[in-house]
């Protein structure tokens, strides 16, 4: 959705509103010559998702930390889950920048291994095996 609106992940509500209007005007049928394959319903869904703090947080979480860091992100090191500190429904590991890497139960269940720091652009590869309960 961020790419569709041409905004950064840290855009304010006002910036989201401006980007929505700008994108809507740019792709409006009256301004297009010939046929346009633009999906206005997708733009509306992007706007509604990002302008609401609750739905935006859920959307950001669904992206996964590796996608937010970019596909070129290469883990700096391999860290065993045993080295993470268990906290509630997840695990944390301190980064050298002072930030931390966070791994939730849901991310483990979906076998997410590349985890981004919340304080810098560093990523690590979290080592663990998912064991199916019988």
N, C-alpha and C. Protein backbone atom coordinates (compact mmCIF):
# COMPACT_ATOMS: atom_id res chain seq x y z
N UNK A 1 0.81 -1.20 0.00
CA UNK A 1 0.00 0.00 0.00
C UNK A 1 0.85 1.27 0.00
N UNK A 2 1.98 1.19 0.71
CA UNK A 2 2.86 2.36 0.75
C UNK A 2 3.38 2.70 -0.64
N UNK A 3 3.74 1.66 -1.38
CA UNK A 3 4.27 1.86 -2.73
C UNK A 3 3.18 2.41 -3.65
N UNK A 4 1.97 1.91 -3.51
CA UNK A 4 0.85 2.38 -4.33
C UNK A 4 0.63 3.88 -4.14
N UNK A 5 0.76 4.35 -2.91
CA UNK A 5 0.58 5.77 -2.60
C UNK A 5 1.87 6.58 -2.72
N UNK A 6 2.97 5.91 -3.01
CA UNK A 6 4.29 6.56 -3.12
C UNK A 6 4.66 7.33 -1.86
N UNK A 7 4.50 6.65 -0.72
CA UNK A 7 4.84 7.26 0.56
C UNK A 7 5.75 6.31 1.34
N UNK A 8 6.41 6.86 2.36
CA UNK A 8 7.27 6.04 3.20
C UNK A 8 6.43 5.38 4.28
N UNK A 9 7.00 4.37 4.90
CA UNK A 9 6.32 3.64 5.98
C UNK A 9 6.08 4.53 7.20
N UNK A 10 6.80 5.64 7.29
CA UNK A 10 6.66 6.54 8.44
C UNK A 10 5.79 7.76 8.13
N UNK A 11 5.07 7.72 7.01
CA UNK A 11 4.24 8.86 6.61
C UNK A 11 3.18 9.18 7.66
N UNK A 12 2.91 10.46 7.83
CA UNK A 12 1.88 10.89 8.78
C UNK A 12 0.50 10.72 8.14
N UNK A 13 -0.54 10.85 8.95
CA UNK A 13 -1.92 10.75 8.45
C UNK A 13 -2.15 11.80 7.37
N UNK A 14 -1.67 13.01 7.60
CA UNK A 14 -1.84 14.09 6.62
C UNK A 14 -1.13 13.76 5.30
N UNK A 15 0.06 13.20 5.39
CA UNK A 15 0.79 12.81 4.17
C UNK A 15 0.06 11.69 3.43
N UNK A 16 -0.55 10.79 4.17
CA UNK A 16 -1.34 9.71 3.55
C UNK A 16 -2.53 10.29 2.82
N UNK A 17 -3.22 11.22 3.46
CA UNK A 17 -4.39 11.86 2.83
C UNK A 17 -3.98 12.59 1.56
N UNK A 18 -2.90 13.34 1.61
CA UNK A 18 -2.42 14.07 0.43
C UNK A 18 -2.02 13.12 -0.69
N UNK A 19 -1.34 12.04 -0.34
CA UNK A 19 -0.91 11.06 -1.35
C UNK A 19 -2.12 10.37 -1.98
N UNK A 20 -3.14 10.09 -1.18
CA UNK A 20 -4.36 9.47 -1.69
C UNK A 20 -5.03 10.38 -2.72
N UNK A 21 -5.20 11.66 -2.35
CA UNK A 21 -5.83 12.61 -3.27
C UNK A 21 -5.00 12.78 -4.55
N UNK A 22 -3.70 12.90 -4.40
CA UNK A 22 -2.80 13.07 -5.54
C UNK A 22 -2.88 11.85 -6.49
N UNK A 23 -2.86 10.66 -5.92
CA UNK A 23 -2.91 9.44 -6.72
C UNK A 23 -4.27 9.29 -7.38
N UNK A 24 -5.32 9.61 -6.66
CA UNK A 24 -6.68 9.53 -7.20
C UNK A 24 -6.84 10.48 -8.38
N UNK A 25 -6.34 11.71 -8.23
CA UNK A 25 -6.43 12.68 -9.33
C UNK A 25 -5.58 12.26 -10.53
N UNK A 26 -4.39 11.75 -10.27
CA UNK A 26 -3.50 11.33 -11.35
C UNK A 26 -4.12 10.24 -12.22
N UNK A 27 -4.91 9.36 -11.59
CA UNK A 27 -5.48 8.23 -12.32
C UNK A 27 -6.96 8.39 -12.63
N UNK A 28 -7.51 9.58 -12.39
CA UNK A 28 -8.93 9.82 -12.65
C UNK A 28 -9.23 9.61 -14.13
N UNK A 29 -10.35 8.94 -14.47
CA UNK A 29 -10.69 8.66 -15.87
C UNK A 29 -10.76 9.90 -16.77
N UNK A 30 -11.18 11.03 -16.23
CA UNK A 30 -11.26 12.26 -17.02
C UNK A 30 -9.89 12.78 -17.42
N UNK A 31 -8.86 12.37 -16.70
CA UNK A 31 -7.50 12.83 -16.99
C UNK A 31 -6.71 11.83 -17.83
N UNK A 32 -7.26 10.64 -18.02
CA UNK A 32 -6.57 9.59 -18.75
C UNK A 32 -6.96 9.60 -20.23
N UNK A 33 -5.99 9.40 -21.06
CA UNK A 33 -6.25 9.24 -22.49
C UNK A 33 -6.22 7.74 -22.77
N UNK A 34 -7.27 7.24 -23.38
CA UNK A 34 -7.33 5.81 -23.64
C UNK A 34 -7.77 5.06 -22.39
N UNK A 35 -7.53 3.78 -22.38
CA UNK A 35 -7.96 2.98 -21.24
C UNK A 35 -6.89 2.96 -20.15
N UNK A 36 -7.36 2.90 -18.96
CA UNK A 36 -6.45 2.85 -17.82
C UNK A 36 -6.74 1.58 -17.02
N UNK A 37 -5.70 0.88 -16.64
CA UNK A 37 -5.86 -0.36 -15.88
C UNK A 37 -5.74 -0.08 -14.38
N UNK A 38 -6.00 1.13 -13.96
CA UNK A 38 -5.86 1.51 -12.56
C UNK A 38 -7.04 0.97 -11.74
N UNK A 39 -6.75 0.40 -10.58
CA UNK A 39 -7.77 -0.16 -9.70
C UNK A 39 -8.06 0.81 -8.56
N UNK A 40 -9.13 1.59 -8.72
CA UNK A 40 -9.49 2.60 -7.73
C UNK A 40 -9.90 1.96 -6.40
N UNK A 41 -10.48 0.76 -6.45
CA UNK A 41 -10.89 0.11 -5.20
C UNK A 41 -9.67 -0.28 -4.37
N UNK A 42 -8.58 -0.65 -5.04
CA UNK A 42 -7.34 -0.97 -4.31
C UNK A 42 -6.77 0.29 -3.65
N UNK A 43 -6.83 1.41 -4.37
CA UNK A 43 -6.36 2.68 -3.80
C UNK A 43 -7.19 3.05 -2.57
N UNK A 44 -8.50 2.87 -2.67
CA UNK A 44 -9.38 3.18 -1.55
C UNK A 44 -9.08 2.28 -0.35
N UNK A 45 -8.84 0.99 -0.61
CA UNK A 45 -8.52 0.05 0.46
C UNK A 45 -7.18 0.43 1.11
N UNK A 46 -6.20 0.83 0.29
CA UNK A 46 -4.90 1.25 0.82
C UNK A 46 -5.08 2.46 1.73
N UNK A 47 -5.85 3.43 1.28
CA UNK A 47 -6.09 4.63 2.07
C UNK A 47 -6.78 4.30 3.39
N UNK A 48 -7.85 3.51 3.32
CA UNK A 48 -8.60 3.16 4.53
C UNK A 48 -7.74 2.38 5.53
N UNK A 49 -6.87 1.54 5.01
CA UNK A 49 -5.99 0.76 5.88
C UNK A 49 -4.95 1.63 6.56
N UNK A 50 -4.31 2.52 5.79
CA UNK A 50 -3.19 3.29 6.33
C UNK A 50 -3.62 4.50 7.16
N UNK A 51 -4.82 5.00 6.93
CA UNK A 51 -5.25 6.19 7.67
C UNK A 51 -5.76 5.81 9.08
N UNK A 52 -6.11 4.56 9.28
CA UNK A 52 -6.56 4.09 10.60
C UNK A 52 -5.36 3.53 11.36
N UNK A 53 -5.01 4.11 12.51
CA UNK A 53 -3.84 3.61 13.25
C UNK A 53 -3.91 2.11 13.57
N UNK A 54 -5.08 1.62 13.93
CA UNK A 54 -5.21 0.20 14.29
C UNK A 54 -5.01 -0.70 13.07
N UNK A 55 -5.68 -0.38 11.97
CA UNK A 55 -5.55 -1.25 10.79
C UNK A 55 -4.16 -1.09 10.16
N UNK A 56 -3.57 0.09 10.30
CA UNK A 56 -2.22 0.29 9.78
C UNK A 56 -1.21 -0.57 10.55
N UNK A 57 -1.37 -0.64 11.87
CA UNK A 57 -0.47 -1.46 12.68
C UNK A 57 -0.59 -2.93 12.29
N UNK A 58 -1.82 -3.39 12.06
CA UNK A 58 -2.02 -4.78 11.63
C UNK A 58 -1.40 -5.01 10.25
N UNK A 59 -1.58 -4.05 9.36
CA UNK A 59 -1.01 -4.17 8.01
C UNK A 59 0.52 -4.22 8.09
N UNK A 60 1.11 -3.31 8.86
CA UNK A 60 2.57 -3.30 9.01
C UNK A 60 3.08 -4.63 9.57
N UNK A 61 2.36 -5.17 10.55
CA UNK A 61 2.76 -6.45 11.13
C UNK A 61 2.66 -7.56 10.10
N UNK A 62 1.65 -7.48 9.24
CA UNK A 62 1.47 -8.53 8.23
C UNK A 62 2.56 -8.48 7.16
N UNK A 63 3.18 -7.33 6.98
CA UNK A 63 4.25 -7.23 5.99
C UNK A 63 5.46 -8.05 6.40
N UNK A 64 5.65 -8.15 7.68
CA UNK A 64 6.83 -8.86 8.17
C UNK A 64 8.02 -7.92 8.15
N UNK A 65 8.88 -8.08 9.09
CA UNK A 65 10.01 -7.18 9.23
C UNK A 65 10.99 -7.29 8.09
N UNK A 66 11.10 -8.45 7.47
CA UNK A 66 12.07 -8.59 6.37
C UNK A 66 11.62 -7.80 5.16
N UNK A 67 10.31 -7.77 4.87
CA UNK A 67 9.84 -7.01 3.72
C UNK A 67 10.04 -5.52 3.94
N UNK A 68 9.86 -5.08 5.18
CA UNK A 68 10.05 -3.66 5.48
C UNK A 68 11.51 -3.25 5.34
N UNK A 69 12.43 -4.17 5.55
CA UNK A 69 13.85 -3.87 5.44
C UNK A 69 14.31 -3.92 3.99
N UNK A 70 13.54 -4.56 3.14
CA UNK A 70 13.89 -4.63 1.73
C UNK A 70 14.48 -5.98 1.36
N UNK A 71 14.31 -6.37 0.10
CA UNK A 71 14.77 -7.68 -0.33
C UNK A 71 16.29 -7.84 -0.34
N UNK A 72 17.03 -6.74 -0.38
CA UNK A 72 18.49 -6.82 -0.43
C UNK A 72 19.11 -7.01 0.95
N UNK A 73 18.29 -7.04 1.97
CA UNK A 73 18.76 -7.17 3.33
C UNK A 73 19.44 -8.52 3.54
N UNK A 74 20.67 -8.49 4.05
CA UNK A 74 21.41 -9.72 4.32
C UNK A 74 21.70 -9.78 5.81
N UNK A 75 21.35 -10.89 6.46
CA UNK A 75 21.57 -10.98 7.91
C UNK A 75 23.02 -10.78 8.30
N UNK A 76 23.24 -10.03 9.38
CA UNK A 76 24.59 -9.76 9.86
C UNK A 76 25.16 -10.95 10.61
N UNK A 77 24.29 -11.73 11.25
CA UNK A 77 24.75 -12.88 12.01
C UNK A 77 23.62 -13.86 12.21
N UNK A 78 23.97 -15.07 12.64
CA UNK A 78 22.99 -16.10 12.97
C UNK A 78 22.90 -16.14 14.49
N UNK A 79 21.67 -16.07 15.03
CA UNK A 79 21.47 -16.08 16.47
C UNK A 79 20.46 -17.18 16.80
N UNK A 80 20.84 -18.09 17.66
CA UNK A 80 19.94 -19.16 18.09
C UNK A 80 18.81 -18.57 18.92
N UNK A 81 17.63 -19.13 18.78
CA UNK A 81 16.49 -18.67 19.57
C UNK A 81 16.78 -18.81 21.07
N UNK A 82 17.64 -19.72 21.42
CA UNK A 82 18.02 -19.90 22.83
C UNK A 82 18.70 -18.66 23.40
N UNK A 83 19.30 -17.84 22.53
CA UNK A 83 19.96 -16.61 22.98
C UNK A 83 18.97 -15.44 23.13
N UNK A 84 17.77 -15.59 22.59
CA UNK A 84 16.73 -14.58 22.73
C UNK A 84 16.16 -14.65 24.14
N UNK A 85 15.59 -13.53 24.59
CA UNK A 85 14.95 -13.46 25.89
C UNK A 85 13.45 -13.62 25.67
N UNK A 86 12.83 -14.55 26.37
CA UNK A 86 11.40 -14.78 26.21
C UNK A 86 10.62 -13.69 26.92
N UNK A 87 9.65 -13.12 26.19
CA UNK A 87 8.82 -12.03 26.74
C UNK A 87 7.38 -12.24 26.29
N UNK A 88 6.50 -12.57 27.18
CA UNK A 88 5.08 -12.73 26.84
C UNK A 88 4.88 -13.75 25.73
N UNK A 89 4.39 -13.29 24.58
CA UNK A 89 4.13 -14.19 23.46
C UNK A 89 5.20 -14.09 22.38
N UNK A 90 6.41 -13.72 22.78
CA UNK A 90 7.48 -13.59 21.80
C UNK A 90 8.85 -13.60 22.45
N UNK A 91 9.84 -13.26 21.64
CA UNK A 91 11.23 -13.27 22.07
C UNK A 91 11.92 -12.01 21.59
N UNK A 92 12.89 -11.53 22.35
CA UNK A 92 13.66 -10.35 21.96
C UNK A 92 15.15 -10.65 22.09
N UNK A 93 15.92 -9.94 21.27
CA UNK A 93 17.37 -10.06 21.31
C UNK A 93 17.94 -8.66 21.10
N UNK A 94 18.84 -8.22 21.97
CA UNK A 94 19.38 -6.87 21.93
C UNK A 94 20.34 -6.70 20.75
N UNK A 95 20.20 -5.59 20.03
CA UNK A 95 21.08 -5.25 18.91
C UNK A 95 22.22 -4.38 19.43
N UNK A 96 23.30 -4.36 18.72
CA UNK A 96 24.45 -3.55 19.13
C UNK A 96 24.15 -2.05 19.11
N UNK A 97 23.09 -1.64 18.37
CA UNK A 97 22.73 -0.21 18.32
C UNK A 97 21.93 0.21 19.55
N UNK A 98 21.50 -0.75 20.35
CA UNK A 98 20.67 -0.44 21.51
C UNK A 98 19.21 -0.81 21.27
N UNK A 99 18.84 -1.03 20.02
CA UNK A 99 17.49 -1.47 19.69
C UNK A 99 17.35 -2.96 19.96
N UNK A 100 16.28 -3.54 19.45
CA UNK A 100 16.13 -4.97 19.65
C UNK A 100 15.45 -5.64 18.48
N UNK A 101 15.72 -6.92 18.36
CA UNK A 101 15.07 -7.78 17.39
C UNK A 101 13.91 -8.44 18.11
N UNK A 102 12.74 -8.45 17.51
CA UNK A 102 11.57 -9.06 18.13
C UNK A 102 11.03 -10.15 17.23
N UNK A 103 10.72 -11.27 17.82
CA UNK A 103 10.18 -12.41 17.08
C UNK A 103 8.95 -12.90 17.83
N UNK A 104 7.80 -12.89 17.16
CA UNK A 104 6.56 -13.31 17.80
C UNK A 104 6.29 -14.79 17.55
N UNK A 105 5.38 -15.36 18.31
CA UNK A 105 4.99 -16.75 18.11
C UNK A 105 4.46 -16.95 16.69
N UNK A 106 3.68 -15.98 16.21
CA UNK A 106 3.11 -16.07 14.87
C UNK A 106 4.20 -16.12 13.81
N UNK A 107 5.24 -15.31 14.00
CA UNK A 107 6.36 -15.32 13.05
C UNK A 107 7.09 -16.66 13.07
N UNK A 108 7.22 -17.23 14.24
CA UNK A 108 7.87 -18.54 14.34
C UNK A 108 7.01 -19.60 13.66
N UNK A 109 5.70 -19.56 13.91
CA UNK A 109 4.80 -20.53 13.28
C UNK A 109 4.82 -20.42 11.76
N UNK A 110 5.04 -19.20 11.24
CA UNK A 110 5.12 -19.03 9.78
C UNK A 110 6.56 -19.18 9.28
N UNK A 111 7.44 -19.63 10.18
CA UNK A 111 8.85 -19.91 9.87
C UNK A 111 9.61 -18.71 9.33
N UNK A 112 9.40 -17.56 9.96
CA UNK A 112 10.17 -16.36 9.66
C UNK A 112 11.51 -16.46 10.37
N UNK A 113 12.59 -16.32 9.63
CA UNK A 113 13.91 -16.43 10.24
C UNK A 113 14.69 -15.11 10.20
N UNK A 114 14.49 -14.31 9.16
CA UNK A 114 15.20 -13.04 9.06
C UNK A 114 14.40 -11.99 9.84
N UNK A 115 15.06 -11.39 10.83
CA UNK A 115 14.39 -10.46 11.74
C UNK A 115 15.13 -9.13 11.72
N UNK A 116 14.39 -8.03 11.58
CA UNK A 116 14.98 -6.70 11.55
C UNK A 116 15.00 -6.05 12.91
N UNK A 117 16.01 -5.23 13.14
CA UNK A 117 16.13 -4.47 14.38
C UNK A 117 15.14 -3.30 14.34
N UNK A 118 14.56 -2.98 15.49
CA UNK A 118 13.63 -1.85 15.53
C UNK A 118 14.34 -0.51 15.69
N UNK A 119 15.68 -0.55 15.81
CA UNK A 119 16.42 0.70 16.00
C UNK A 119 17.37 1.05 14.87
N UNK A 120 17.64 0.10 13.97
CA UNK A 120 18.54 0.36 12.84
C UNK A 120 18.15 -0.55 11.67
N UNK A 121 18.95 -0.57 10.64
CA UNK A 121 18.61 -1.36 9.46
C UNK A 121 19.21 -2.76 9.48
N UNK A 122 19.84 -3.14 10.57
CA UNK A 122 20.48 -4.45 10.69
C UNK A 122 19.45 -5.58 10.75
N UNK A 123 19.80 -6.73 10.18
CA UNK A 123 18.96 -7.92 10.30
C UNK A 123 19.82 -9.09 10.79
N UNK A 124 19.14 -10.05 11.42
CA UNK A 124 19.81 -11.27 11.85
C UNK A 124 18.99 -12.45 11.33
N UNK A 125 19.60 -13.61 11.34
CA UNK A 125 18.90 -14.85 11.01
C UNK A 125 18.69 -15.59 12.32
N UNK A 126 17.42 -15.74 12.73
CA UNK A 126 17.10 -16.43 13.98
C UNK A 126 17.02 -17.92 13.71
N UNK A 127 17.86 -18.68 14.40
CA UNK A 127 17.90 -20.11 14.21
C UNK A 127 16.99 -20.85 15.17
N UNK A 128 16.07 -21.64 14.61
CA UNK A 128 15.17 -22.47 15.40
C UNK A 128 14.52 -23.49 14.47
N UNK A 129 13.93 -24.51 15.06
CA UNK A 129 13.16 -25.50 14.32
C UNK A 129 11.75 -25.48 14.83
N UNK A 130 10.78 -25.51 13.93
CA UNK A 130 9.38 -25.56 14.32
C UNK A 130 9.03 -27.03 14.51
N UNK A 131 8.54 -27.37 15.70
CA UNK A 131 8.16 -28.75 16.01
C UNK A 131 6.65 -28.82 16.05
N UNK A 132 6.09 -29.68 15.23
CA UNK A 132 4.64 -29.86 15.20
C UNK A 132 4.19 -30.65 16.42
N UNK A 133 3.17 -30.14 17.12
CA UNK A 133 2.62 -30.87 18.26
C UNK A 133 1.67 -31.93 17.76
N UNK A 134 1.68 -33.08 18.44
CA UNK A 134 0.80 -34.17 17.99
C UNK A 134 -0.33 -34.40 18.94
